Structures are given as structure tokens and as C-alpha cells.
Amino acid sequence: MTETTGSTATPESGNPEDATPVDGAAEGTESDKTLTRRERKRANKEAGGEGGKSGKRAKRGLFARIGLYYRQIIAELRKVVWPTRSELMNYTSVVVTFVVVMIGLVATLDWGFAKASFWIFG
């Protein structure tokens, strides 16, 4: 298995085939079987455990969520590698030149098809 740089995925983070047995299960009983993550979550919820989000993932107020959103935007913008002025001018000139060439090509094809249709249909 290849890992991507910066990935937090590990083989342990998935749901392995040999799932862990239920905590506190007596040996030799039916509850000694292995459970999937979903079944463990349901069992925990039925036992009175907190099935919802807690800690950092708990529901925040409106202004706290808005503030978090803008802090994340600023953090992402700091990671951007901004082009220098000369690079920006170079990129802009390349794009404008490409657009002008494409306009010329489409206009020429349009004119040619119009002449051909007048010649065919009179």
C-alpha cells in the first residue's frame, strides 16, 4: 500500500478484518465474538455511552463557527505560493495571446462555413 505525503491514513485507522472483541465480554459467551466499528458504536450508545460528538467536534455557536471558518481561510491563503509580478505579467500575456489566437481560429472557421453554406445552398 502506498501512502500519500501528508496522509494520516494508517492500516490501524481502517476496520481490520480481525476486529477487536467487545470490552468486558466474558470468555466463552456469545458476546465474545468480534464486532465491527458500527456494532461497537451501537452497543456503546445502547449502554448509555455518549454516541454523539464530543470535544473538538462538538457543536459550536454561530459566531464561533464563523470565526473558525475565517481563520481556516487565512491559514490556507498563507500556504499559497503567490507568483511574482513578472511571472504574473508573463502568465497574463500567454493567456491573452492564446485567447486572441483561438478567436481568430473560430472566426476563420465561421467565415469559411458561412461561405461554404452560401455556395452550396445559394
PDB file of N, CA and C in Angstrom:
ATOM      1  N   MET A   1       0.846  -1.178   0.000  1.00  0.00           N
ATOM      2  CA  MET A   1       0.000   0.000   0.000  1.00  0.00           C
ATOM      3  C   MET A   1       0.885   1.232   0.000  1.00  0.00           C
ATOM      4  N   THR A   2       0.644   2.144  -0.914  1.00  0.00           N
ATOM      5  CA  THR A   2       1.438   3.362  -0.973  1.00  0.00           C
ATOM      6  C   THR A   2       0.716   4.457  -0.218  1.00  0.00           C
ATOM      7  N   GLU A   3       1.485   5.290   0.439  1.00  0.00           N
ATOM      8  CA  GLU A   3       0.905   6.373   1.217  1.00  0.00           C
ATOM      9  C   GLU A   3       1.215   7.692   0.563  1.00  0.00           C
ATOM     10  N   THR A   4       0.261   8.585   0.586  1.00  0.00           N
ATOM     11  CA  THR A   4       0.442   9.914   0.049  1.00  0.00           C
ATOM     12  C   THR A   4       1.126  10.771   1.100  1.00  0.00           C
ATOM     13  N   THR A   5       1.970  11.687   0.661  1.00  0.00           N
ATOM     14  CA  THR A   5       2.634  12.563   1.593  1.00  0.00           C
ATOM     15  C   THR A   5       1.604  13.389   2.334  1.00  0.00           C
ATOM     16  N   GLY A   6       1.719  13.420   3.644  1.00  0.00           N
ATOM     17  CA  GLY A   6       0.794  14.199   4.457  1.00  0.00           C
ATOM     18  C   GLY A   6      -0.469  13.444   4.813  1.00  0.00           C
ATOM     19  N   SER A   7      -0.589  12.208   4.383  1.00  0.00           N
ATOM     20  CA  SER A   7      -1.779  11.425   4.681  1.00  0.00           C
ATOM     21  C   SER A   7      -1.738  10.947   6.117  1.00  0.00           C
ATOM     22  N   THR A   8      -2.895  10.964   6.757  1.00  0.00           N
ATOM     23  CA  THR A   8      -2.972  10.480   8.127  1.00  0.00           C
ATOM     24  C   THR A   8      -3.540   9.076   8.185  1.00  0.00           C
ATOM     25  N   ALA A   9      -3.792   8.477   7.017  1.00  0.00           N
ATOM     26  CA  ALA A   9      -4.360   7.142   6.981  1.00  0.00           C
ATOM     27  C   ALA A   9      -3.305   6.116   7.357  1.00  0.00           C
ATOM     28  N   THR A  10      -3.674   5.223   8.222  1.00  0.00           N
ATOM     29  CA  THR A  10      -2.809   4.126   8.612  1.00  0.00           C
ATOM     30  C   THR A  10      -3.604   2.843   8.525  1.00  0.00           C
ATOM     31  N   PRO A  11      -2.939   1.705   8.451  1.00  0.00           N
ATOM     32  CA  PRO A  11      -3.697   0.453   8.423  1.00  0.00           C
ATOM     33  C   PRO A  11      -4.565   0.281   9.665  1.00  0.00           C
ATOM     34  N   GLU A  12      -4.141   0.840  10.791  1.00  0.00           N
ATOM     35  CA  GLU A  12      -4.904   0.697  12.024  1.00  0.00           C
ATOM     36  C   GLU A  12      -6.151   1.561  12.037  1.00  0.00           C
ATOM     37  N   SER A  13      -6.192   2.618  11.184  1.00  0.00           N
ATOM     38  CA  SER A  13      -7.330   3.522  11.220  1.00  0.00           C
ATOM     39  C   SER A  13      -8.550   2.944  10.522  1.00  0.00           C
ATOM     40  N   GLY A  14      -8.367   1.939   9.692  1.00  0.00           N
ATOM     41  CA  GLY A  14      -9.485   1.330   8.992  1.00  0.00           C
ATOM     42  C   GLY A  14     -10.200   0.342   9.880  1.00  0.00           C
ATOM     43  N   ASN A  15     -11.017  -0.470   9.280  1.00  0.00           N
ATOM     44  CA  ASN A  15     -11.723  -1.505  10.007  1.00  0.00           C
ATOM     45  C   ASN A  15     -11.077  -2.837   9.665  1.00  0.00           C
ATOM     46  N   PRO A  16     -10.090  -3.289  10.450  1.00  0.00           N
ATOM     47  CA  PRO A  16      -9.376  -4.511  10.098  1.00  0.00           C
ATOM     48  C   PRO A  16     -10.295  -5.718  10.126  1.00  0.00           C
ATOM     49  N   GLU A  17      -9.894  -6.750   9.404  1.00  0.00           N
ATOM     50  CA  GLU A  17     -10.721  -7.947   9.339  1.00  0.00           C
ATOM     51  C   GLU A  17     -10.830  -8.623  10.696  1.00  0.00           C
ATOM     52  N   ASP A  18      -9.768  -8.588  11.460  1.00  0.00           N
ATOM     53  CA  ASP A  18      -9.831  -9.185  12.793  1.00  0.00           C
ATOM     54  C   ASP A  18     -10.189  -8.099  13.798  1.00  0.00           C
ATOM     55  N   ALA A  19     -11.479  -7.712  13.797  1.00  0.00           N
ATOM     56  CA  ALA A  19     -11.942  -6.639  14.675  1.00  0.00           C
ATOM     57  C   ALA A  19     -11.743  -7.038  16.128  1.00  0.00           C
ATOM     58  N   THR A  20     -11.607  -6.064  16.996  1.00  0.00           N
ATOM     59  CA  THR A  20     -11.355  -6.323  18.399  1.00  0.00           C
ATOM     60  C   THR A  20     -12.626  -6.792  19.078  1.00  0.00           C
ATOM     61  N   PRO A  21     -12.518  -7.675  20.063  1.00  0.00           N
ATOM     62  CA  PRO A  21     -13.698  -8.141  20.767  1.00  0.00           C
ATOM     63  C   PRO A  21     -14.280  -7.042  21.644  1.00  0.00           C
ATOM     64  N   VAL A  22     -15.519  -7.242  22.047  1.00  0.00           N
ATOM     65  CA  VAL A  22     -16.215  -6.279  22.888  1.00  0.00           C
ATOM     66  C   VAL A  22     -15.506  -6.191  24.231  1.00  0.00           C
ATOM     67  N   ASP A  23     -15.312  -4.976  24.754  1.00  0.00           N
ATOM     68  CA  ASP A  23     -14.664  -4.799  26.040  1.00  0.00           C
ATOM     69  C   ASP A  23     -15.533  -5.384  27.148  1.00  0.00           C
ATOM     70  N   GLY A  24     -14.913  -6.048  28.068  1.00  0.00           N
ATOM     71  CA  GLY A  24     -15.617  -6.580  29.227  1.00  0.00           C
ATOM     72  C   GLY A  24     -16.407  -7.839  28.933  1.00  0.00           C
ATOM     73  N   ALA A  25     -16.252  -8.418  27.786  1.00  0.00           N
ATOM     74  CA  ALA A  25     -17.005  -9.620  27.444  1.00  0.00           C
ATOM     75  C   ALA A  25     -16.357 -10.819  28.116  1.00  0.00           C
ATOM     76  N   ALA A  26     -17.199 -11.662  28.671  1.00  0.00           N
ATOM     77  CA  ALA A  26     -16.697 -12.864  29.318  1.00  0.00           C
ATOM     78  C   ALA A  26     -16.310 -13.872  28.249  1.00  0.00           C
ATOM     79  N   GLU A  27     -15.276 -14.644  28.521  1.00  0.00           N
ATOM     80  CA  GLU A  27     -14.833 -15.625  27.546  1.00  0.00           C
ATOM     81  C   GLU A  27     -15.829 -16.766  27.473  1.00  0.00           C
ATOM     82  N   GLY A  28     -15.994 -17.284  26.272  1.00  0.00           N
ATOM     83  CA  GLY A  28     -16.860 -18.423  26.089  1.00  0.00           C
ATOM     84  C   GLY A  28     -18.315 -18.044  25.892  1.00  0.00           C
ATOM     85  N   THR A  29     -18.665 -16.778  25.930  1.00  0.00           N
ATOM     86  CA  THR A  29     -20.049 -16.367  25.720  1.00  0.00           C
ATOM     87  C   THR A  29     -20.239 -15.930  24.286  1.00  0.00           C
ATOM     88  N   GLU A  30     -21.494 -15.702  23.946  1.00  0.00           N
ATOM     89  CA  GLU A  30     -21.802 -15.271  22.580  1.00  0.00           C
ATOM     90  C   GLU A  30     -21.273 -13.870  22.318  1.00  0.00           C
ATOM     91  N   SER A  31     -21.194 -13.029  23.346  1.00  0.00           N
ATOM     92  CA  SER A  31     -20.716 -11.660  23.161  1.00  0.00           C
ATOM     93  C   SER A  31     -19.204 -11.598  23.007  1.00  0.00           C
ATOM     94  N   ASP A  32     -18.559 -12.773  23.043  1.00  0.00           N
ATOM     95  CA  ASP A  32     -17.113 -12.827  22.869  1.00  0.00           C
ATOM     96  C   ASP A  32     -16.718 -12.670  21.404  1.00  0.00           C
ATOM     97  N   LYS A  33     -17.719 -12.735  20.506  1.00  0.00           N
ATOM     98  CA  LYS A  33     -17.410 -12.606  19.080  1.00  0.00           C
ATOM     99  C   LYS A  33     -16.875 -11.205  18.779  1.00  0.00           C
ATOM    100  N   THR A  34     -16.241 -11.064  17.632  1.00  0.00           N
ATOM    101  CA  THR A  34     -15.706  -9.758  17.249  1.00  0.00           C
ATOM    102  C   THR A  34     -16.792  -8.923  16.611  1.00  0.00           C
ATOM    103  N   LEU A  35     -16.735  -7.604  16.819  1.00  0.00           N
ATOM    104  CA  LEU A  35     -17.743  -6.678  16.310  1.00  0.00           C
ATOM    105  C   LEU A  35     -17.113  -5.668  15.366  1.00  0.00           C
ATOM    106  N   THR A  36     -17.920  -5.191  14.437  1.00  0.00           N
ATOM    107  CA  THR A  36     -17.463  -4.118  13.571  1.00  0.00           C
ATOM    108  C   THR A  36     -17.545  -2.802  14.325  1.00  0.00           C
ATOM    109  N   ARG A  37     -16.973  -1.780  13.739  1.00  0.00           N
ATOM    110  CA  ARG A  37     -16.985  -0.469  14.375  1.00  0.00           C
ATOM    111  C   ARG A  37     -18.416   0.033  14.574  1.00  0.00           C
ATOM    112  N   ARG A  38     -19.275  -0.191  13.571  1.00  0.00           N
ATOM    113  CA  ARG A  38     -20.670   0.256  13.670  1.00  0.00           C
ATOM    114  C   ARG A  38     -21.392  -0.461  14.815  1.00  0.00           C
ATOM    115  N   GLU A  39     -21.149  -1.757  14.945  1.00  0.00           N
ATOM    116  CA  GLU A  39     -21.792  -2.510  16.019  1.00  0.00           C
ATOM    117  C   GLU A  39     -21.289  -2.066  17.386  1.00  0.00           C
ATOM    118  N   ARG A  40     -19.982  -1.780  17.496  1.00  0.00           N
ATOM    119  CA  ARG A  40     -19.444  -1.283  18.767  1.00  0.00           C
ATOM    120  C   ARG A  40     -20.059   0.056  19.139  1.00  0.00           C
ATOM    121  N   LYS A  41     -20.251   0.933  18.119  1.00  0.00           N
ATOM    122  CA  LYS A  41     -20.839   2.243  18.376  1.00  0.00           C
ATOM    123  C   LYS A  41     -22.281   2.098  18.846  1.00  0.00           C
ATOM    124  N   ARG A  42     -23.042   1.205  18.193  1.00  0.00           N
ATOM    125  CA  ARG A  42     -24.427   0.979  18.603  1.00  0.00           C
ATOM    126  C   ARG A  42     -24.494   0.414  20.016  1.00  0.00           C
ATOM    127  N   ALA A  43     -23.614  -0.536  20.318  1.00  0.00           N
ATOM    128  CA  ALA A  43     -23.601  -1.125  21.653  1.00  0.00           C
ATOM    129  C   ALA A  43     -23.244  -0.088  22.703  1.00  0.00           C
ATOM    130  N   ASN A  44     -22.301   0.783  22.398  1.00  0.00           N
ATOM    131  CA  ASN A  44     -21.915   1.840  23.323  1.00  0.00           C
ATOM    132  C   ASN A  44     -23.065   2.809  23.545  1.00  0.00           C
ATOM    133  N   LYS A  45     -23.801   3.123  22.484  1.00  0.00           N
ATOM    134  CA  LYS A  45     -24.924   4.044  22.586  1.00  0.00           C
ATOM    135  C   LYS A  45     -26.048   3.440  23.414  1.00  0.00           C
ATOM    136  N   GLU A  46     -26.322   2.137  23.191  1.00  0.00           N
ATOM    137  CA  GLU A  46     -27.368   1.468  23.953  1.00  0.00           C
ATOM    138  C   GLU A  46     -26.999   1.339  25.420  1.00  0.00           C
ATOM    139  N   ALA A  47     -25.706   1.221  25.710  1.00  0.00           N
ATOM    140  CA  ALA A  47     -25.261   1.088  27.089  1.00  0.00           C
ATOM    141  C   ALA A  47     -25.250   2.425  27.817  1.00  0.00           C
ATOM    142  N   GLY A  48     -25.675   3.488  27.146  1.00  0.00           N
ATOM    143  CA  GLY A  48     -25.716   4.791  27.801  1.00  0.00           C
ATOM    144  C   GLY A  48     -24.504   5.636  27.520  1.00  0.00           C
ATOM    145  N   GLY A  49     -23.638   5.156  26.658  1.00  0.00           N
ATOM    146  CA  GLY A  49     -22.447   5.921  26.310  1.00  0.00           C
ATOM    147  C   GLY A  49     -22.797   7.092  25.420  1.00  0.00           C
ATOM    148  N   GLU A  50     -21.921   8.050  25.362  1.00  0.00           N
ATOM    149  CA  GLU A  50     -22.115   9.228  24.515  1.00  0.00           C
ATOM    150  C   GLU A  50     -21.905   8.818  23.079  1.00  0.00           C
ATOM    151  N   GLY A  51     -22.963   8.688  22.303  1.00  0.00           N
ATOM    152  CA  GLY A  51     -22.851   8.268  20.919  1.00  0.00           C
ATOM    153  C   GLY A  51     -22.521   9.413  19.990  1.00  0.00           C
ATOM    154  N   GLY A  52     -22.691  10.649  20.461  1.00  0.00           N
ATOM    155  CA  GLY A  52     -22.503  11.807  19.598  1.00  0.00           C
ATOM    156  C   GLY A  52     -21.095  12.338  19.609  1.00  0.00           C
ATOM    157  N   LYS A  53     -20.958  13.521  19.111  1.00  0.00           N
ATOM    158  CA  LYS A  53     -19.654  14.167  19.032  1.00  0.00           C
ATOM    159  C   LYS A  53     -19.312  14.789  20.380  1.00  0.00           C
ATOM    160  N   SER A  54     -18.030  14.853  20.645  1.00  0.00           N
ATOM    161  CA  SER A  54     -17.589  15.480  21.877  1.00  0.00           C
ATOM    162  C   SER A  54     -16.236  16.124  21.647  1.00  0.00           C
ATOM    163  N   GLY A  55     -15.815  16.934  22.576  1.00  0.00           N
ATOM    164  CA  GLY A  55     -14.509  17.562  22.472  1.00  0.00           C
ATOM    165  C   GLY A  55     -14.464  18.585  21.359  1.00  0.00           C
ATOM    166  N   LYS A  56     -13.432  18.507  20.513  1.00  0.00           N
ATOM    167  CA  LYS A  56     -13.262  19.462  19.425  1.00  0.00           C
ATOM    168  C   LYS A  56     -14.379  19.380  18.397  1.00  0.00           C
ATOM    169  N   ARG A  57     -15.010  18.217  18.279  1.00  0.00           N
ATOM    170  CA  ARG A  57     -16.016  18.027  17.246  1.00  0.00           C
ATOM    171  C   ARG A  57     -17.411  18.382  17.738  1.00  0.00           C
ATOM    172  N   ALA A  58     -17.536  18.879  18.954  1.00  0.00           N
ATOM    173  CA  ALA A  58     -18.851  19.233  19.484  1.00  0.00           C
ATOM    174  C   ALA A  58     -19.404  20.439  18.741  1.00  0.00           C
ATOM    175  N   LYS A  59     -20.716  20.597  18.783  1.00  0.00           N
ATOM    176  CA  LYS A  59     -21.390  21.699  18.098  1.00  0.00           C
ATOM    177  C   LYS A  59     -20.975  23.017  18.751  1.00  0.00           C
ATOM    178  N   ARG A  60     -20.581  23.974  17.923  1.00  0.00           N
ATOM    179  CA  ARG A  60     -20.169  25.286  18.416  1.00  0.00           C
ATOM    180  C   ARG A  60     -21.232  26.296  18.070  1.00  0.00           C
ATOM    181  N   GLY A  61     -21.138  27.458  18.681  1.00  0.00           N
ATOM    182  CA  GLY A  61     -22.082  28.523  18.396  1.00  0.00           C
ATOM    183  C   GLY A  61     -21.855  29.111  17.007  1.00  0.00           C
ATOM    184  N   LEU A  62     -22.813  29.927  16.576  1.00  0.00           N
ATOM    185  CA  LEU A  62     -22.763  30.508  15.233  1.00  0.00           C
ATOM    186  C   LEU A  62     -21.513  31.356  15.039  1.00  0.00           C
ATOM    187  N   PHE A  63     -21.225  32.253  15.956  1.00  0.00           N
ATOM    188  CA  PHE A  63     -20.076  33.145  15.793  1.00  0.00           C
ATOM    189  C   PHE A  63     -18.758  32.390  15.912  1.00  0.00           C
ATOM    190  N   ALA A  64     -18.724  31.347  16.730  1.00  0.00           N
ATOM    191  CA  ALA A  64     -17.507  30.541  16.843  1.00  0.00           C
ATOM    192  C   ALA A  64     -17.234  29.813  15.534  1.00  0.00           C
ATOM    193  N   ARG A  65     -18.292  29.306  14.875  1.00  0.00           N
ATOM    194  CA  ARG A  65     -18.115  28.615  13.600  1.00  0.00           C
ATOM    195  C   ARG A  65     -17.691  29.581  12.507  1.00  0.00           C
ATOM    196  N   ILE A  66     -18.258  30.797  12.506  1.00  0.00           N
ATOM    197  CA  ILE A  66     -17.871  31.797  11.515  1.00  0.00           C
ATOM    198  C   ILE A  66     -16.410  32.194  11.720  1.00  0.00           C
ATOM    199  N   GLY A  67     -16.023  32.406  12.976  1.00  0.00           N
ATOM    200  CA  GLY A  67     -14.629  32.749  13.267  1.00  0.00           C
ATOM    201  C   GLY A  67     -13.675  31.641  12.857  1.00  0.00           C
ATOM    202  N   LEU A  68     -14.042  30.398  13.133  1.00  0.00           N
ATOM    203  CA  LEU A  68     -13.216  29.265  12.732  1.00  0.00           C
ATOM    204  C   LEU A  68     -13.076  29.199  11.214  1.00  0.00           C
ATOM    205  N   TYR A  69     -14.177  29.451  10.516  1.00  0.00           N
ATOM    206  CA  TYR A  69     -14.171  29.428   9.054  1.00  0.00           C
ATOM    207  C   TYR A  69     -13.174  30.447   8.506  1.00  0.00           C
ATOM    208  N   TYR A  70     -13.218  31.676   9.006  1.00  0.00           N
ATOM    209  CA  TYR A  70     -12.304  32.705   8.504  1.00  0.00           C
ATOM    210  C   TYR A  70     -10.862  32.439   8.913  1.00  0.00           C
ATOM    211  N   ARG A  71     -10.638  31.872  10.088  1.00  0.00           N
ATOM    212  CA  ARG A  71      -9.269  31.507  10.479  1.00  0.00           C
ATOM    213  C   ARG A  71      -8.717  30.428   9.551  1.00  0.00           C
ATOM    214  N   GLN A  72      -9.569  29.483   9.148  1.00  0.00           N
ATOM    215  CA  GLN A  72      -9.119  28.442   8.230  1.00  0.00           C
ATOM    216  C   GLN A  72      -8.835  29.007   6.844  1.00  0.00           C
ATOM    217  N   ILE A  73      -9.625  29.984   6.407  1.00  0.00           N
ATOM    218  CA  ILE A  73      -9.375  30.633   5.118  1.00  0.00           C
ATOM    219  C   ILE A  73      -8.013  31.318   5.137  1.00  0.00           C
ATOM    220  N   ILE A  74      -7.738  32.083   6.171  1.00  0.00           N
ATOM    221  CA  ILE A  74      -6.469  32.795   6.280  1.00  0.00           C
ATOM    222  C   ILE A  74      -5.305  31.807   6.339  1.00  0.00           C
ATOM    223  N   ALA A  75      -5.472  30.710   7.073  1.00  0.00           N
ATOM    224  CA  ALA A  75      -4.411  29.703   7.156  1.00  0.00           C
ATOM    225  C   ALA A  75      -4.134  29.083   5.789  1.00  0.00           C
ATOM    226  N   GLU A  76      -5.179  28.824   5.008  1.00  0.00           N
ATOM    227  CA  GLU A  76      -4.980  28.258   3.673  1.00  0.00           C
ATOM    228  C   GLU A  76      -4.338  29.271   2.732  1.00  0.00           C
ATOM    229  N   LEU A  77      -4.723  30.538   2.832  1.00  0.00           N
ATOM    230  CA  LEU A  77      -4.128  31.555   1.965  1.00  0.00           C
ATOM    231  C   LEU A  77      -2.651  31.764   2.258  1.00  0.00           C
ATOM    232  N   ARG A  78      -2.231  31.518   3.487  1.00  0.00           N
ATOM    233  CA  ARG A  78      -0.810  31.637   3.820  1.00  0.00           C
ATOM    234  C   ARG A  78       0.009  30.527   3.171  1.00  0.00           C
ATOM    235  N   LYS A  79      -0.630  29.401   2.831  1.00  0.00           N
ATOM    236  CA  LYS A  79       0.078  28.288   2.203  1.00  0.00           C
ATOM    237  C   LYS A  79       0.263  28.499   0.707  1.00  0.00           C
ATOM    238  N   VAL A  80      -0.466  29.434   0.116  1.00  0.00           N
ATOM    239  CA  VAL A  80      -0.422  29.642  -1.329  1.00  0.00           C
ATOM    240  C   VAL A  80       0.917  30.244  -1.729  1.00  0.00           C
ATOM    241  N   VAL A  81       1.482  29.727  -2.810  1.00  0.00           N
ATOM    242  CA  VAL A  81       2.713  30.295  -3.364  1.00  0.00           C
ATOM    243  C   VAL A  81       2.280  31.304  -4.422  1.00  0.00           C
ATOM    244  N   TRP A  82       2.357  32.587  -4.089  1.00  0.00           N
ATOM    245  CA  TRP A  82       1.895  33.641  -4.976  1.00  0.00           C
ATOM    246  C   TRP A  82       2.958  33.938  -6.025  1.00  0.00           C
ATOM    247  N   PRO A  83       2.544  34.182  -7.283  1.00  0.00           N
ATOM    248  CA  PRO A  83       3.522  34.499  -8.331  1.00  0.00           C
ATOM    249  C   PRO A  83       4.086  35.912  -8.144  1.00  0.00           C
ATOM    250  N   THR A  84       5.301  36.096  -8.633  1.00  0.00           N
ATOM    251  CA  THR A  84       5.888  37.437  -8.601  1.00  0.00           C
ATOM    252  C   THR A  84       5.210  38.277  -9.684  1.00  0.00           C
ATOM    253  N   ARG A  85       5.487  39.565  -9.675  1.00  0.00           N
ATOM    254  CA  ARG A  85       4.868  40.457 -10.659  1.00  0.00           C
ATOM    255  C   ARG A  85       5.270  40.078 -12.086  1.00  0.00           C
ATOM    256  N   SER A  86       6.548  39.746 -12.286  1.00  0.00           N
ATOM    257  CA  SER A  86       6.993  39.379 -13.635  1.00  0.00           C
ATOM    258  C   SER A  86       6.352  38.058 -14.092  1.00  0.00           C
ATOM    259  N   GLU A  87       6.219  37.083 -13.174  1.00  0.00           N
ATOM    260  CA  GLU A  87       5.555  35.836 -13.528  1.00  0.00           C
ATOM    261  C   GLU A  87       4.084  36.086 -13.872  1.00  0.00           C
ATOM    262  N   LEU A  88       3.437  36.944 -13.107  1.00  0.00           N
ATOM    263  CA  LEU A  88       2.035  37.257 -13.355  1.00  0.00           C
ATOM    264  C   LEU A  88       1.854  37.919 -14.713  1.00  0.00           C
ATOM    265  N   MET A  89       2.748  38.845 -15.060  1.00  0.00           N
ATOM    266  CA  MET A  89       2.668  39.503 -16.370  1.00  0.00           C
ATOM    267  C   MET A  89       2.899  38.490 -17.488  1.00  0.00           C
ATOM    268  N   ASN A  90       3.827  37.570 -17.280  1.00  0.00           N
ATOM    269  CA  ASN A  90       4.116  36.539 -18.271  1.00  0.00           C
ATOM    270  C   ASN A  90       2.898  35.623 -18.461  1.00  0.00           C
ATOM    271  N   TYR A  91       2.320  35.156 -17.369  1.00  0.00           N
ATOM    272  CA  TYR A  91       1.140  34.283 -17.443  1.00  0.00           C
ATOM    273  C   TYR A  91      -0.022  35.005 -18.127  1.00  0.00           C
ATOM    274  N   THR A  92      -0.214  36.277 -17.791  1.00  0.00           N
ATOM    275  CA  THR A  92      -1.308  37.045 -18.379  1.00  0.00           C
ATOM    276  C   THR A  92      -1.120  37.204 -19.879  1.00  0.00           C
ATOM    277  N   SER A  93       0.108  37.508 -20.307  1.00  0.00           N
ATOM    278  CA  SER A  93       0.351  37.672 -21.743  1.00  0.00           C
ATOM    279  C   SER A  93       0.149  36.353 -22.496  1.00  0.00           C
ATOM    280  N   VAL A  94       0.526  35.240 -21.902  1.00  0.00           N
ATOM    281  CA  VAL A  94       0.312  33.939 -22.534  1.00  0.00           C
ATOM    282  C   VAL A  94      -1.179  33.667 -22.690  1.00  0.00           C
ATOM    283  N   VAL A  95      -1.973  33.941 -21.672  1.00  0.00           N
ATOM    284  CA  VAL A  95      -3.409  33.696 -21.735  1.00  0.00           C
ATOM    285  C   VAL A  95      -4.073  34.600 -22.769  1.00  0.00           C
ATOM    286  N   VAL A  96      -3.722  35.887 -22.783  1.00  0.00           N
ATOM    287  CA  VAL A  96      -4.318  36.813 -23.743  1.00  0.00           C
ATOM    288  C   VAL A  96      -3.951  36.407 -25.166  1.00  0.00           C
ATOM    289  N   THR A  97      -2.693  36.038 -25.399  1.00  0.00           N
ATOM    290  CA  THR A  97      -2.271  35.595 -26.729  1.00  0.00           C
ATOM    291  C   THR A  97      -3.035  34.351 -27.163  1.00  0.00           C
ATOM    292  N   PHE A  98      -3.189  33.388 -26.270  1.00  0.00           N
ATOM    293  CA  PHE A  98      -3.931  32.168 -26.587  1.00  0.00           C
ATOM    294  C   PHE A  98      -5.382  32.489 -26.935  1.00  0.00           C
ATOM    295  N   VAL A  99      -6.018  33.379 -26.177  1.00  0.00           N
ATOM    296  CA  VAL A  99      -7.410  33.738 -26.434  1.00  0.00           C
ATOM    297  C   VAL A  99      -7.538  34.426 -27.798  1.00  0.00           C
ATOM    298  N   VAL A 100      -6.612  35.331 -28.131  1.00  0.00           N
ATOM    299  CA  VAL A 100      -6.662  36.016 -29.431  1.00  0.00           C
ATOM    300  C   VAL A 100      -6.504  35.006 -30.570  1.00  0.00           C
ATOM    301  N   VAL A 101      -5.590  34.052 -30.434  1.00  0.00           N
ATOM    302  CA  VAL A 101      -5.392  33.037 -31.463  1.00  0.00           C
ATOM    303  C   VAL A 101      -6.659  32.194 -31.614  1.00  0.00           C
ATOM    304  N   MET A 102      -7.274  31.792 -30.518  1.00  0.00           N
ATOM    305  CA  MET A 102      -8.494  30.987 -30.585  1.00  0.00           C
ATOM    306  C   MET A 102      -9.649  31.777 -31.197  1.00  0.00           C
ATOM    307  N   ILE A 103      -9.747  33.079 -30.893  1.00  0.00           N
ATOM    308  CA  ILE A 103     -10.784  33.910 -31.517  1.00  0.00           C
ATOM    309  C   ILE A 103     -10.570  33.959 -33.022  1.00  0.00           C
ATOM    310  N   GLY A 104      -9.332  34.127 -33.448  1.00  0.00           N
ATOM    311  CA  GLY A 104      -9.019  34.152 -34.880  1.00  0.00           C
ATOM    312  C   GLY A 104      -9.364  32.832 -35.550  1.00  0.00           C
ATOM    313  N   LEU A 105      -9.042  31.718 -34.913  1.00  0.00           N
ATOM    314  CA  LEU A 105      -9.341  30.407 -35.471  1.00  0.00           C
ATOM    315  C   LEU A 105     -10.845  30.194 -35.606  1.00  0.00           C
ATOM    316  N   VAL A 106     -11.596  30.503 -34.563  1.00  0.00           N
ATOM    317  CA  VAL A 106     -13.052  30.319 -34.607  1.00  0.00           C
ATOM    318  C   VAL A 106     -13.681  31.253 -35.633  1.00  0.00           C
ATOM    319  N   ALA A 107     -13.212  32.516 -35.703  1.00  0.00           N
ATOM    320  CA  ALA A 107     -13.757  33.469 -36.673  1.00  0.00           C
ATOM    321  C   ALA A 107     -13.477  32.995 -38.100  1.00  0.00           C
ATOM    322  N   THR A 108     -12.285  32.478 -38.355  1.00  0.00           N
ATOM    323  CA  THR A 108     -11.945  31.976 -39.682  1.00  0.00           C
ATOM    324  C   THR A 108     -12.813  30.780 -40.060  1.00  0.00           C
ATOM    325  N   LEU A 109     -12.982  29.838 -39.134  1.00  0.00           N
ATOM    326  CA  LEU A 109     -13.841  28.688 -39.396  1.00  0.00           C
ATOM    327  C   LEU A 109     -15.288  29.120 -39.633  1.00  0.00           C
ATOM    328  N   ASP A 110     -15.770  30.081 -38.842  1.00  0.00           N
ATOM    329  CA  ASP A 110     -17.132  30.576 -39.004  1.00  0.00           C
ATOM    330  C   ASP A 110     -17.309  31.209 -40.385  1.00  0.00           C
ATOM    331  N   TRP A 111     -16.367  32.023 -40.787  1.00  0.00           N
ATOM    332  CA  TRP A 111     -16.430  32.680 -42.100  1.00  0.00           C
ATOM    333  C   TRP A 111     -16.388  31.632 -43.223  1.00  0.00           C
ATOM    334  N   GLY A 112     -15.506  30.635 -43.078  1.00  0.00           N
ATOM    335  CA  GLY A 112     -15.387  29.579 -44.087  1.00  0.00           C
ATOM    336  C   GLY A 112     -16.663  28.755 -44.205  1.00  0.00           C
ATOM    337  N   PHE A 113     -17.264  28.385 -43.075  1.00  0.00           N
ATOM    338  CA  PHE A 113     -18.516  27.615 -43.114  1.00  0.00           C
ATOM    339  C   PHE A 113     -19.658  28.453 -43.689  1.00  0.00           C
ATOM    340  N   ALA A 114     -19.664  29.750 -43.402  1.00  0.00           N
ATOM    341  CA  ALA A 114     -20.714  30.624 -43.966  1.00  0.00           C
ATOM    342  C   ALA A 114     -20.574  30.696 -45.485  1.00  0.00           C
ATOM    343  N   LYS A 115     -19.345  30.869 -45.996  1.00  0.00           N
ATOM    344  CA  LYS A 115     -19.119  30.918 -47.449  1.00  0.00           C
ATOM    345  C   LYS A 115     -19.499  29.589 -48.090  1.00  0.00           C
ATOM    346  N   ALA A 116     -19.140  28.478 -47.437  1.00  0.00           N
ATOM    347  CA  ALA A 116     -19.454  27.161 -47.983  1.00  0.00           C
ATOM    348  C   ALA A 116     -20.962  26.937 -48.022  1.00  0.00           C
ATOM    349  N   SER A 117     -21.681  27.355 -46.988  1.00  0.00           N
ATOM    350  CA  SER A 117     -23.128  27.155 -46.977  1.00  0.00           C
ATOM    351  C   SER A 117     -23.813  28.039 -48.025  1.00  0.00           C
ATOM    352  N   PHE A 118     -23.302  29.281 -48.247  1.00  0.00           N
ATOM    353  CA  PHE A 118     -23.866  30.121 -49.303  1.00  0.00           C
ATOM    354  C   PHE A 118     -23.593  29.522 -50.686  1.00  0.00           C
ATOM    355  N   TRP A 119     -22.418  28.907 -50.848  1.00  0.00           N
ATOM    356  CA  TRP A 119     -22.076  28.324 -52.137  1.00  0.00           C
ATOM    357  C   TRP A 119     -22.936  27.089 -52.432  1.00  0.00           C
ATOM    358  N   ILE A 120     -23.184  26.243 -51.328  1.00  0.00           N
ATOM    359  CA  ILE A 120     -23.955  25.033 -51.502  1.00  0.00           C
ATOM    360  C   ILE A 120     -25.456  25.346 -51.682  1.00  0.00           C
ATOM    361  N   PHE A 121     -25.997  26.184 -50.773  1.00  0.00           N
ATOM    362  CA  PHE A 121     -27.445  26.423 -50.759  1.00  0.00           C
ATOM    363  C   PHE A 121     -27.851  27.683 -51.519  1.00  0.00           C
ATOM    364  N   GLY A 122     -26.902  28.449 -51.991  1.00  0.00           N
ATOM    365  CA  GLY A 122     -27.136  29.582 -52.876  1.00  0.00           C
ATOM    366  C   GLY A 122     -27.712  30.757 -52.265  1.00  0.00           C
TER     367      GLY A 122
END
